[in-house]
Amino acid sequence: MTYGDPPHSGKVVEFYPNKQGRPANMKSADMGTGRPPTAPGSVPGTSITNVYGSVGVTTNYTASTSAIILVDASGGPVTITLPTASSNRGRHYTIKKIDSSANLVRVLASDLLDGADYIDMTLQYQYMRVVCSGTEWYVIGGVSVKLEEILQGNLEELVDLNNQVLMELKLHGLHLTSMSDEVMEESDAS
C-alpha cells in the first residue's frame, strides 16, 4: 500500500524478510480460486448489503437475499422454503423462531436439509444456521435443532430402563444401596 491509496483499495502489504522488509503490493485474492474474496454468506455477484440483511416474516416465505430470517408464527404455522441448492453454493441463512406460540416453523428444502426434506422448530428463540454445498443444505449451527428430539428419545429410554430396574428389584425383594465397598460375585447375581 502506498501513501494516497484509499484505505480499502483491495491491496494487501506483505513483507519479505529476505528482501530487507520491503513491501510488495498484491491484489487480495482467494488463494484457491485467484478471484477476489467473497463476503461470508454471500454468493458471487450479490451485493454486500443484501448478504447481511434481515427480514421479519409472519407467513410462508421463500428465502432469497436476506441472510437472517426472523419468523413470528404466533398467527399460525410458517414454512420457510430454502432455494434450490444448485444455484446457491456457499449461501447461508440463519432462521429464528421469535414468538412463544406452540405453532411450528418448518424449514423446507427441495434438495434435502441434513438428509431430510424439512426440519421443524417449535421453541421460542430456537434457530438454525444452514449452508448450501451446491447439492444440498446442511445445518451448521443453532439452538435445539434436532437436539430436542434426540434428548426426548433418550429421556424416554432412561425412564423405561429405570422402571424395569425398579420392577426387577420389587419382584426379587432387592434394594439398592447408594454406597458400598462390597464386591458382588457372579454367583451372587443369580
N, C-alpha and C. Protein backbone atom coordinates (compact mmCIF):
# COMPACT_ATOMS: atom_id res chain seq x y z
N MET A 1 0.86 -1.17 0.00
CA MET A 1 0.00 0.00 0.00
C MET A 1 0.90 1.22 0.00
N THR A 2 0.64 2.14 -0.86
CA THR A 2 1.42 3.36 -0.91
C THR A 2 0.58 4.50 -0.36
N TYR A 3 1.27 5.57 0.03
CA TYR A 3 0.54 6.72 0.54
C TYR A 3 -0.37 7.26 -0.55
N GLY A 4 -1.58 7.63 -0.17
CA GLY A 4 -2.53 8.15 -1.13
C GLY A 4 -3.53 7.11 -1.61
N ASP A 5 -3.23 5.79 -1.39
CA ASP A 5 -4.21 4.77 -1.73
C ASP A 5 -5.37 4.85 -0.75
N PRO A 6 -6.59 4.65 -1.22
CA PRO A 6 -7.71 4.61 -0.27
C PRO A 6 -7.51 3.46 0.71
N PRO A 7 -8.08 3.57 1.93
CA PRO A 7 -7.84 2.54 2.94
C PRO A 7 -8.26 1.14 2.50
N HIS A 8 -9.28 1.00 1.67
CA HIS A 8 -9.74 -0.32 1.23
C HIS A 8 -9.56 -0.44 -0.27
N SER A 9 -8.32 -0.38 -0.71
CA SER A 9 -8.04 -0.37 -2.14
C SER A 9 -7.97 -1.77 -2.74
N GLY A 10 -8.21 -2.79 -1.93
CA GLY A 10 -8.11 -4.15 -2.44
C GLY A 10 -6.68 -4.65 -2.49
N LYS A 11 -5.76 -3.96 -1.85
CA LYS A 11 -4.37 -4.38 -1.83
C LYS A 11 -3.99 -4.77 -0.41
N VAL A 12 -3.07 -5.69 -0.33
CA VAL A 12 -2.51 -6.05 0.97
C VAL A 12 -1.02 -5.80 0.91
N VAL A 13 -0.44 -5.57 2.06
CA VAL A 13 1.00 -5.35 2.13
C VAL A 13 1.63 -6.58 2.74
N GLU A 14 2.61 -7.11 2.07
CA GLU A 14 3.33 -8.24 2.61
C GLU A 14 4.80 -7.85 2.69
N PHE A 15 5.45 -8.29 3.75
CA PHE A 15 6.86 -8.01 3.92
C PHE A 15 7.63 -9.30 3.74
N TYR A 16 8.70 -9.23 2.99
CA TYR A 16 9.54 -10.39 2.74
C TYR A 16 10.88 -10.16 3.42
N PRO A 17 11.16 -10.93 4.46
CA PRO A 17 12.41 -10.71 5.21
C PRO A 17 13.65 -10.83 4.34
N ASN A 18 13.64 -11.68 3.33
CA ASN A 18 14.83 -11.83 2.51
C ASN A 18 15.02 -10.66 1.56
N LYS A 19 14.08 -9.73 1.54
CA LYS A 19 14.22 -8.52 0.73
C LYS A 19 14.30 -7.30 1.63
N GLN A 20 14.86 -7.47 2.81
CA GLN A 20 15.05 -6.42 3.81
C GLN A 20 13.76 -5.68 4.17
N GLY A 21 12.63 -6.39 4.23
CA GLY A 21 11.38 -5.80 4.72
C GLY A 21 10.70 -4.88 3.74
N ARG A 22 11.10 -4.90 2.50
CA ARG A 22 10.42 -4.02 1.53
C ARG A 22 9.02 -4.55 1.24
N PRO A 23 8.02 -3.66 1.23
CA PRO A 23 6.65 -4.14 0.98
C PRO A 23 6.44 -4.49 -0.49
N ALA A 24 5.58 -5.46 -0.71
CA ALA A 24 5.19 -5.83 -2.08
C ALA A 24 3.69 -5.66 -2.17
N ASN A 25 3.20 -4.89 -3.13
CA ASN A 25 1.77 -4.71 -3.31
C ASN A 25 1.20 -5.88 -4.10
N MET A 26 0.12 -6.44 -3.56
CA MET A 26 -0.57 -7.53 -4.23
C MET A 26 -2.06 -7.31 -4.13
N LYS A 27 -2.80 -7.60 -5.18
CA LYS A 27 -4.24 -7.58 -5.09
C LYS A 27 -4.66 -8.73 -4.18
N SER A 28 -5.62 -8.45 -3.29
CA SER A 28 -6.08 -9.54 -2.44
C SER A 28 -6.92 -10.49 -3.27
N ALA A 29 -6.77 -11.78 -3.02
CA ALA A 29 -7.50 -12.78 -3.78
C ALA A 29 -7.61 -14.05 -2.96
N ASP A 30 -8.60 -14.83 -3.30
CA ASP A 30 -8.78 -16.14 -2.70
C ASP A 30 -7.63 -17.01 -3.20
N MET A 31 -6.90 -17.63 -2.28
CA MET A 31 -5.72 -18.41 -2.67
C MET A 31 -6.09 -19.59 -3.56
N GLY A 32 -7.29 -20.15 -3.37
CA GLY A 32 -7.68 -21.31 -4.16
C GLY A 32 -8.16 -20.97 -5.55
N THR A 33 -8.91 -19.87 -5.67
CA THR A 33 -9.52 -19.54 -6.96
C THR A 33 -8.82 -18.42 -7.69
N GLY A 34 -8.10 -17.56 -6.95
CA GLY A 34 -7.47 -16.41 -7.57
C GLY A 34 -8.43 -15.25 -7.79
N ARG A 35 -9.70 -15.44 -7.38
CA ARG A 35 -10.71 -14.39 -7.54
C ARG A 35 -10.74 -13.55 -6.27
N PRO A 36 -11.29 -12.33 -6.35
CA PRO A 36 -11.43 -11.52 -5.14
C PRO A 36 -12.25 -12.26 -4.10
N PRO A 37 -11.97 -12.04 -2.82
CA PRO A 37 -12.68 -12.77 -1.78
C PRO A 37 -14.17 -12.43 -1.78
N THR A 38 -14.96 -13.39 -1.33
CA THR A 38 -16.40 -13.23 -1.24
C THR A 38 -16.75 -13.10 0.24
N ALA A 39 -17.61 -12.16 0.57
CA ALA A 39 -18.02 -11.96 1.96
C ALA A 39 -18.73 -13.20 2.49
N PRO A 40 -18.60 -13.48 3.80
CA PRO A 40 -19.25 -14.65 4.38
C PRO A 40 -20.74 -14.61 4.09
N GLY A 41 -21.28 -15.73 3.67
CA GLY A 41 -22.71 -15.85 3.42
C GLY A 41 -23.16 -15.33 2.09
N SER A 42 -22.24 -14.83 1.30
CA SER A 42 -22.64 -14.24 0.03
C SER A 42 -22.43 -15.21 -1.11
N VAL A 43 -23.04 -14.87 -2.20
CA VAL A 43 -22.86 -15.61 -3.44
C VAL A 43 -22.22 -14.62 -4.40
N PRO A 44 -21.17 -15.01 -5.11
CA PRO A 44 -20.54 -14.05 -6.01
C PRO A 44 -21.57 -13.38 -6.91
N GLY A 45 -21.46 -12.06 -7.01
CA GLY A 45 -22.39 -11.30 -7.83
C GLY A 45 -23.51 -10.65 -7.04
N THR A 46 -23.62 -10.95 -5.73
CA THR A 46 -24.65 -10.30 -4.92
C THR A 46 -24.01 -9.15 -4.17
N SER A 47 -24.81 -8.16 -3.84
CA SER A 47 -24.25 -7.01 -3.13
C SER A 47 -24.12 -7.30 -1.65
N ILE A 48 -23.16 -6.68 -1.02
CA ILE A 48 -22.88 -6.91 0.39
C ILE A 48 -24.05 -6.47 1.27
N THR A 49 -24.83 -5.48 0.85
CA THR A 49 -25.95 -5.03 1.67
C THR A 49 -27.01 -6.10 1.77
N ASN A 50 -27.19 -6.89 0.73
CA ASN A 50 -28.18 -7.96 0.78
C ASN A 50 -27.69 -9.14 1.59
N VAL A 51 -26.40 -9.38 1.61
CA VAL A 51 -25.85 -10.53 2.30
C VAL A 51 -26.14 -10.49 3.78
N TYR A 52 -26.05 -9.33 4.38
CA TYR A 52 -26.23 -9.24 5.82
C TYR A 52 -27.60 -8.71 6.22
N GLY A 53 -28.51 -8.58 5.29
CA GLY A 53 -29.83 -8.06 5.59
C GLY A 53 -30.66 -9.06 6.38
N SER A 54 -31.70 -8.56 7.01
CA SER A 54 -32.63 -9.44 7.73
C SER A 54 -34.04 -9.11 7.30
N VAL A 55 -34.91 -10.07 7.48
CA VAL A 55 -36.31 -9.90 7.13
C VAL A 55 -37.15 -10.55 8.22
N GLY A 56 -38.26 -9.92 8.58
CA GLY A 56 -39.21 -10.49 9.52
C GLY A 56 -40.39 -11.03 8.74
N VAL A 57 -40.81 -12.26 9.04
CA VAL A 57 -41.92 -12.85 8.31
C VAL A 57 -42.95 -13.42 9.28
N THR A 58 -44.21 -13.41 8.85
CA THR A 58 -45.31 -13.96 9.64
C THR A 58 -46.10 -14.98 8.83
N THR A 59 -45.77 -15.14 7.55
CA THR A 59 -46.43 -16.11 6.68
C THR A 59 -45.37 -16.89 5.92
N ASN A 60 -45.79 -17.89 5.17
CA ASN A 60 -44.85 -18.70 4.39
C ASN A 60 -43.96 -17.80 3.55
N TYR A 61 -42.68 -18.19 3.45
CA TYR A 61 -41.68 -17.32 2.82
C TYR A 61 -40.62 -18.17 2.14
N THR A 62 -40.18 -17.74 0.97
CA THR A 62 -39.06 -18.38 0.29
C THR A 62 -37.82 -17.52 0.50
N ALA A 63 -36.80 -18.12 1.11
CA ALA A 63 -35.56 -17.40 1.40
C ALA A 63 -34.97 -16.86 0.11
N SER A 64 -34.48 -15.61 0.18
CA SER A 64 -33.87 -15.02 -1.02
C SER A 64 -32.62 -14.25 -0.63
N THR A 65 -32.65 -12.94 -0.63
CA THR A 65 -31.43 -12.16 -0.45
C THR A 65 -31.05 -11.90 0.99
N SER A 66 -31.99 -11.94 1.92
CA SER A 66 -31.68 -11.66 3.33
C SER A 66 -31.12 -12.91 4.00
N ALA A 67 -29.98 -12.76 4.65
CA ALA A 67 -29.32 -13.90 5.28
C ALA A 67 -29.95 -14.26 6.62
N ILE A 68 -30.68 -13.33 7.24
CA ILE A 68 -31.29 -13.57 8.55
C ILE A 68 -32.80 -13.48 8.39
N ILE A 69 -33.50 -14.54 8.81
CA ILE A 69 -34.95 -14.60 8.68
C ILE A 69 -35.53 -14.78 10.07
N LEU A 70 -36.23 -13.74 10.56
CA LEU A 70 -36.87 -13.78 11.88
C LEU A 70 -38.33 -14.13 11.68
N VAL A 71 -38.78 -15.24 12.26
CA VAL A 71 -40.11 -15.77 11.98
C VAL A 71 -41.01 -15.63 13.21
N ASP A 72 -42.14 -14.96 13.01
CA ASP A 72 -43.18 -14.84 14.04
C ASP A 72 -44.33 -15.73 13.61
N ALA A 73 -44.47 -16.89 14.26
CA ALA A 73 -45.50 -17.86 13.91
C ALA A 73 -46.70 -17.76 14.85
N SER A 74 -46.86 -16.64 15.55
CA SER A 74 -47.97 -16.52 16.50
C SER A 74 -49.33 -16.59 15.82
N GLY A 75 -49.40 -16.24 14.52
CA GLY A 75 -50.66 -16.30 13.78
C GLY A 75 -50.93 -17.65 13.15
N GLY A 76 -50.02 -18.59 13.24
CA GLY A 76 -50.17 -19.91 12.65
C GLY A 76 -48.83 -20.45 12.18
N PRO A 77 -48.79 -21.72 11.82
CA PRO A 77 -47.54 -22.32 11.35
C PRO A 77 -46.98 -21.57 10.14
N VAL A 78 -45.65 -21.51 10.06
CA VAL A 78 -44.98 -20.81 8.97
C VAL A 78 -43.95 -21.75 8.36
N THR A 79 -43.91 -21.80 7.03
CA THR A 79 -42.91 -22.60 6.31
C THR A 79 -41.92 -21.65 5.63
N ILE A 80 -40.64 -21.88 5.89
CA ILE A 80 -39.57 -21.16 5.22
C ILE A 80 -38.97 -22.13 4.21
N THR A 81 -39.03 -21.77 2.94
CA THR A 81 -38.53 -22.64 1.88
C THR A 81 -37.16 -22.14 1.44
N LEU A 82 -36.19 -23.03 1.47
CA LEU A 82 -34.84 -22.69 1.01
C LEU A 82 -34.79 -22.80 -0.51
N PRO A 83 -34.01 -21.93 -1.17
CA PRO A 83 -33.92 -22.00 -2.63
C PRO A 83 -33.18 -23.26 -3.08
N THR A 84 -33.25 -23.54 -4.36
CA THR A 84 -32.57 -24.73 -4.88
C THR A 84 -31.07 -24.64 -4.62
N ALA A 85 -30.50 -25.77 -4.30
CA ALA A 85 -29.09 -25.81 -3.91
C ALA A 85 -28.15 -25.57 -5.08
N SER A 86 -28.53 -26.02 -6.26
CA SER A 86 -27.60 -25.97 -7.39
C SER A 86 -27.12 -24.56 -7.73
N SER A 87 -27.95 -23.55 -7.47
CA SER A 87 -27.54 -22.18 -7.81
C SER A 87 -27.21 -21.34 -6.58
N ASN A 88 -27.01 -21.99 -5.43
CA ASN A 88 -26.76 -21.23 -4.20
C ASN A 88 -25.59 -21.77 -3.39
N ARG A 89 -24.62 -22.38 -4.04
CA ARG A 89 -23.45 -22.91 -3.34
C ARG A 89 -22.79 -21.80 -2.53
N GLY A 90 -22.54 -22.09 -1.24
CA GLY A 90 -21.88 -21.13 -0.37
C GLY A 90 -22.84 -20.20 0.35
N ARG A 91 -24.07 -20.13 -0.06
CA ARG A 91 -25.04 -19.24 0.59
C ARG A 91 -25.41 -19.83 1.95
N HIS A 92 -25.65 -18.94 2.89
CA HIS A 92 -26.12 -19.41 4.20
C HIS A 92 -27.26 -18.53 4.67
N TYR A 93 -28.08 -19.11 5.53
CA TYR A 93 -29.20 -18.40 6.14
C TYR A 93 -29.22 -18.75 7.63
N THR A 94 -29.68 -17.80 8.42
CA THR A 94 -29.99 -18.04 9.82
C THR A 94 -31.47 -17.81 9.96
N ILE A 95 -32.20 -18.82 10.45
CA ILE A 95 -33.65 -18.76 10.59
C ILE A 95 -33.96 -18.92 12.07
N LYS A 96 -34.73 -17.96 12.62
CA LYS A 96 -35.00 -17.96 14.06
C LYS A 96 -36.50 -17.79 14.33
N LYS A 97 -37.04 -18.62 15.20
CA LYS A 97 -38.44 -18.51 15.64
C LYS A 97 -38.45 -17.55 16.81
N ILE A 98 -39.17 -16.43 16.68
CA ILE A 98 -39.10 -15.39 17.72
C ILE A 98 -40.33 -15.34 18.61
N ASP A 99 -41.40 -16.07 18.29
CA ASP A 99 -42.61 -16.00 19.10
C ASP A 99 -42.67 -17.16 20.08
N SER A 100 -43.57 -17.04 21.07
CA SER A 100 -43.68 -18.06 22.11
C SER A 100 -44.83 -19.03 21.88
N SER A 101 -45.51 -18.94 20.75
CA SER A 101 -46.65 -19.83 20.48
C SER A 101 -46.18 -21.27 20.27
N ALA A 102 -47.15 -22.18 20.28
CA ALA A 102 -46.86 -23.59 20.02
C ALA A 102 -46.81 -23.87 18.52
N ASN A 103 -47.07 -22.87 17.69
CA ASN A 103 -47.04 -23.06 16.24
C ASN A 103 -45.62 -23.32 15.77
N LEU A 104 -45.49 -24.25 14.84
CA LEU A 104 -44.15 -24.60 14.39
C LEU A 104 -43.70 -23.75 13.22
N VAL A 105 -42.39 -23.67 13.10
CA VAL A 105 -41.73 -23.07 11.94
C VAL A 105 -41.05 -24.23 11.23
N ARG A 106 -41.43 -24.48 10.00
CA ARG A 106 -40.85 -25.57 9.21
C ARG A 106 -39.88 -24.98 8.21
N VAL A 107 -38.65 -25.49 8.21
CA VAL A 107 -37.64 -25.08 7.23
C VAL A 107 -37.58 -26.22 6.22
N LEU A 108 -37.96 -25.90 4.99
CA LEU A 108 -38.16 -26.88 3.93
C LEU A 108 -37.10 -26.72 2.86
N ALA A 109 -36.57 -27.85 2.38
CA ALA A 109 -35.57 -27.81 1.30
C ALA A 109 -35.91 -28.87 0.27
N SER A 110 -36.02 -28.48 -0.98
CA SER A 110 -36.30 -29.45 -2.03
C SER A 110 -35.08 -30.33 -2.31
N ASP A 111 -33.89 -29.86 -1.93
CA ASP A 111 -32.65 -30.60 -2.17
C ASP A 111 -32.09 -31.26 -0.92
N LEU A 112 -32.88 -31.43 0.09
CA LEU A 112 -32.54 -32.03 1.37
C LEU A 112 -31.84 -31.04 2.31
N LEU A 113 -32.17 -31.20 3.56
CA LEU A 113 -31.62 -30.39 4.64
C LEU A 113 -31.14 -31.37 5.71
N ASP A 114 -29.83 -31.52 5.83
CA ASP A 114 -29.26 -32.55 6.71
C ASP A 114 -29.88 -33.92 6.43
N GLY A 115 -30.08 -34.22 5.15
CA GLY A 115 -30.61 -35.52 4.75
C GLY A 115 -32.12 -35.66 4.85
N ALA A 116 -32.82 -34.63 5.28
CA ALA A 116 -34.27 -34.68 5.42
C ALA A 116 -34.92 -33.65 4.49
N ASP A 117 -36.22 -33.79 4.30
CA ASP A 117 -36.94 -32.82 3.48
C ASP A 117 -37.16 -31.51 4.22
N TYR A 118 -37.28 -31.60 5.55
CA TYR A 118 -37.54 -30.40 6.36
C TYR A 118 -37.11 -30.63 7.80
N ILE A 119 -36.98 -29.53 8.53
CA ILE A 119 -36.73 -29.57 9.97
C ILE A 119 -37.70 -28.58 10.61
N ASP A 120 -38.35 -29.00 11.69
CA ASP A 120 -39.30 -28.15 12.38
C ASP A 120 -38.67 -27.52 13.62
N MET A 121 -39.04 -26.27 13.88
CA MET A 121 -38.65 -25.58 15.11
C MET A 121 -39.94 -25.27 15.86
N THR A 122 -39.95 -25.54 17.16
CA THR A 122 -41.16 -25.34 17.96
C THR A 122 -40.96 -24.43 19.17
N LEU A 123 -39.73 -24.12 19.50
CA LEU A 123 -39.45 -23.35 20.71
C LEU A 123 -39.15 -21.89 20.39
N GLN A 124 -39.59 -20.99 21.28
CA GLN A 124 -39.24 -19.59 21.12
C GLN A 124 -37.72 -19.43 21.20
N TYR A 125 -37.18 -18.61 20.32
CA TYR A 125 -35.76 -18.30 20.21
C TYR A 125 -34.92 -19.45 19.66
N GLN A 126 -35.56 -20.53 19.26
CA GLN A 126 -34.84 -21.61 18.60
C GLN A 126 -34.40 -21.09 17.23
N TYR A 127 -33.21 -21.45 16.80
CA TYR A 127 -32.74 -21.02 15.49
C TYR A 127 -31.84 -22.07 14.88
N MET A 128 -31.67 -21.96 13.58
CA MET A 128 -30.71 -22.81 12.89
C MET A 128 -29.98 -21.98 11.84
N ARG A 129 -28.75 -22.33 11.64
CA ARG A 129 -27.94 -21.70 10.60
C ARG A 129 -27.66 -22.79 9.58
N VAL A 130 -27.97 -22.52 8.32
CA VAL A 130 -27.79 -23.51 7.27
C VAL A 130 -26.85 -22.97 6.20
N VAL A 131 -26.14 -23.88 5.54
CA VAL A 131 -25.25 -23.51 4.45
C VAL A 131 -25.48 -24.48 3.30
N CYS A 132 -25.29 -23.99 2.09
CA CYS A 132 -25.54 -24.78 0.89
C CYS A 132 -24.22 -25.30 0.31
N SER A 133 -24.19 -26.59 0.01
CA SER A 133 -23.00 -27.20 -0.60
C SER A 133 -23.04 -27.15 -2.12
N GLY A 134 -24.17 -26.76 -2.67
CA GLY A 134 -24.34 -26.80 -4.11
C GLY A 134 -25.19 -27.98 -4.54
N THR A 135 -25.30 -28.98 -3.65
CA THR A 135 -26.16 -30.13 -3.93
C THR A 135 -27.24 -30.30 -2.86
N GLU A 136 -26.96 -29.86 -1.63
CA GLU A 136 -27.97 -29.87 -0.58
C GLU A 136 -27.62 -28.86 0.49
N TRP A 137 -28.53 -28.70 1.46
CA TRP A 137 -28.35 -27.75 2.56
C TRP A 137 -27.94 -28.52 3.81
N TYR A 138 -27.08 -27.89 4.63
CA TYR A 138 -26.61 -28.51 5.87
C TYR A 138 -26.81 -27.54 7.03
N VAL A 139 -27.23 -28.09 8.17
CA VAL A 139 -27.32 -27.30 9.39
C VAL A 139 -25.91 -27.25 9.98
N ILE A 140 -25.41 -26.03 10.20
CA ILE A 140 -24.06 -25.90 10.74
C ILE A 140 -24.06 -25.24 12.11
N GLY A 141 -25.25 -24.94 12.64
CA GLY A 141 -25.32 -24.35 13.97
C GLY A 141 -26.75 -24.04 14.33
N GLY A 142 -26.93 -23.75 15.60
CA GLY A 142 -28.26 -23.40 16.06
C GLY A 142 -28.48 -23.83 17.49
N VAL A 143 -29.68 -23.56 17.96
CA VAL A 143 -30.08 -23.93 19.31
C VAL A 143 -31.27 -24.86 19.21
N SER A 144 -31.17 -26.02 19.84
CA SER A 144 -32.24 -27.01 19.90
C SER A 144 -32.62 -27.55 18.53
N VAL A 145 -31.72 -27.57 17.59
CA VAL A 145 -32.01 -28.12 16.28
C VAL A 145 -31.86 -29.63 16.36
N LYS A 146 -32.93 -30.35 16.17
CA LYS A 146 -32.99 -31.80 16.26
C LYS A 146 -32.63 -32.31 17.65
N LEU A 147 -31.96 -31.50 18.43
CA LEU A 147 -31.48 -31.94 19.73
C LEU A 147 -32.64 -32.31 20.65
N GLU A 148 -33.73 -31.54 20.60
CA GLU A 148 -34.85 -31.85 21.48
C GLU A 148 -35.42 -33.22 21.16
N GLU A 149 -35.45 -33.61 19.88
CA GLU A 149 -35.95 -34.94 19.51
C GLU A 149 -35.02 -36.02 20.06
N ILE A 150 -33.73 -35.82 19.92
CA ILE A 150 -32.77 -36.80 20.41
C ILE A 150 -32.86 -36.93 21.93
N LEU A 151 -32.90 -35.79 22.62
CA LEU A 151 -32.99 -35.82 24.08
C LEU A 151 -34.29 -36.44 24.55
N GLN A 152 -35.40 -36.13 23.88
CA GLN A 152 -36.68 -36.70 24.26
C GLN A 152 -36.64 -38.21 24.13
N GLY A 153 -36.10 -38.71 23.02
CA GLY A 153 -35.98 -40.15 22.82
C GLY A 153 -35.11 -40.80 23.88
N ASN A 154 -33.97 -40.19 24.20
CA ASN A 154 -33.08 -40.73 25.22
C ASN A 154 -33.72 -40.68 26.60
N LEU A 155 -34.45 -39.62 26.88
CA LEU A 155 -35.12 -39.50 28.18
C LEU A 155 -36.16 -40.59 28.34
N GLU A 156 -36.93 -40.85 27.30
CA GLU A 156 -37.94 -41.91 27.36
C GLU A 156 -37.28 -43.27 27.59
N GLU A 157 -36.15 -43.53 26.92
CA GLU A 157 -35.43 -44.79 27.13
C GLU A 157 -34.93 -44.91 28.56
N LEU A 158 -34.40 -43.83 29.13
CA LEU A 158 -33.92 -43.87 30.51
C LEU A 158 -35.05 -44.11 31.50
N VAL A 159 -36.19 -43.49 31.28
CA VAL A 159 -37.34 -43.70 32.16
C VAL A 159 -37.78 -45.16 32.08
N ASP A 160 -37.85 -45.72 30.86
CA ASP A 160 -38.23 -47.13 30.70
C ASP A 160 -37.25 -48.05 31.41
N LEU A 161 -35.95 -47.79 31.26
CA LEU A 161 -34.93 -48.60 31.92
C LEU A 161 -35.05 -48.51 33.43
N ASN A 162 -35.25 -47.31 33.93
CA ASN A 162 -35.42 -47.11 35.37
C ASN A 162 -36.63 -47.90 35.88
N ASN A 163 -37.73 -47.86 35.15
CA ASN A 163 -38.94 -48.61 35.56
C ASN A 163 -38.68 -50.11 35.55
N GLN A 164 -37.93 -50.61 34.57
CA GLN A 164 -37.61 -52.03 34.52
C GLN A 164 -36.76 -52.44 35.72
N VAL A 165 -35.78 -51.62 36.06
CA VAL A 165 -34.93 -51.92 37.21
C VAL A 165 -35.76 -51.94 38.49
N LEU A 166 -36.64 -50.97 38.66
CA LEU A 166 -37.49 -50.93 39.85
C LEU A 166 -38.40 -52.16 39.94
N MET A 167 -38.95 -52.59 38.82
CA MET A 167 -39.82 -53.78 38.81
C MET A 167 -39.03 -55.02 39.19
N GLU A 168 -37.82 -55.16 38.66
CA GLU A 168 -36.97 -56.30 38.99
C GLU A 168 -36.62 -56.31 40.48
N LEU A 169 -36.33 -55.14 41.02
CA LEU A 169 -36.00 -55.05 42.44
C LEU A 169 -37.17 -55.49 43.30
N LYS A 170 -38.36 -55.00 42.97
CA LYS A 170 -39.56 -55.39 43.73
C LYS A 170 -39.85 -56.87 43.58
N LEU A 171 -39.74 -57.38 42.36
CA LEU A 171 -40.04 -58.77 42.08
C LEU A 171 -39.15 -59.71 42.90
N HIS A 172 -37.89 -59.36 43.07
CA HIS A 172 -36.93 -60.22 43.77
C HIS A 172 -36.67 -59.76 45.21
N GLY A 173 -37.41 -58.76 45.67
CA GLY A 173 -37.24 -58.30 47.04
C GLY A 173 -35.88 -57.69 47.31
N LEU A 174 -35.29 -57.06 46.32
CA LEU A 174 -33.96 -56.46 46.47
C LEU A 174 -34.08 -54.96 46.71
N HIS A 175 -32.98 -54.38 47.13
CA HIS A 175 -32.94 -52.93 47.27
C HIS A 175 -31.57 -52.43 46.80
N LEU A 176 -31.54 -51.16 46.45
CA LEU A 176 -30.29 -50.55 46.01
C LEU A 176 -29.66 -49.81 47.17
N THR A 177 -28.34 -49.83 47.24
CA THR A 177 -27.64 -49.03 48.23
C THR A 177 -26.90 -47.93 47.49
N SER A 178 -26.76 -46.81 48.16
CA SER A 178 -26.12 -45.68 47.49
C SER A 178 -24.60 -45.83 47.45
N MET A 179 -24.02 -46.40 48.50
CA MET A 179 -22.56 -46.55 48.54
C MET A 179 -22.26 -47.92 49.13
N SER A 180 -21.29 -48.58 48.58
CA SER A 180 -20.92 -49.87 49.11
C SER A 180 -19.51 -50.21 48.70
N ASP A 181 -18.77 -50.81 49.61
CA ASP A 181 -17.43 -51.30 49.30
C ASP A 181 -17.47 -52.76 48.91
N GLU A 182 -18.64 -53.37 48.99
CA GLU A 182 -18.76 -54.79 48.71
C GLU A 182 -18.59 -55.05 47.22
N VAL A 183 -17.94 -56.17 46.95
CA VAL A 183 -17.77 -56.62 45.57
C VAL A 183 -18.76 -57.74 45.35
N MET A 184 -19.54 -57.62 44.30
CA MET A 184 -20.54 -58.64 44.01
C MET A 184 -19.92 -59.70 43.13
N GLU A 185 -20.04 -60.92 43.58
CA GLU A 185 -19.52 -62.06 42.81
C GLU A 185 -20.58 -62.48 41.80
N GLU A 186 -20.13 -63.14 40.75
CA GLU A 186 -21.05 -63.59 39.72
C GLU A 186 -22.09 -64.54 40.28
N SER A 187 -21.69 -65.38 41.24
CA SER A 187 -22.64 -66.34 41.85
C SER A 187 -23.71 -65.60 42.66
N ASP A 188 -23.38 -64.40 43.20
CA ASP A 188 -24.36 -63.63 43.98
C ASP A 188 -25.46 -63.05 43.08
N ALA A 189 -25.17 -62.85 41.81
CA ALA A 189 -26.13 -62.21 40.90
C ALA A 189 -27.27 -63.15 40.55
N SER A 190 -27.06 -64.46 40.65
CA SER A 190 -28.13 -65.39 40.25
C SER A 190 -29.07 -65.65 41.34
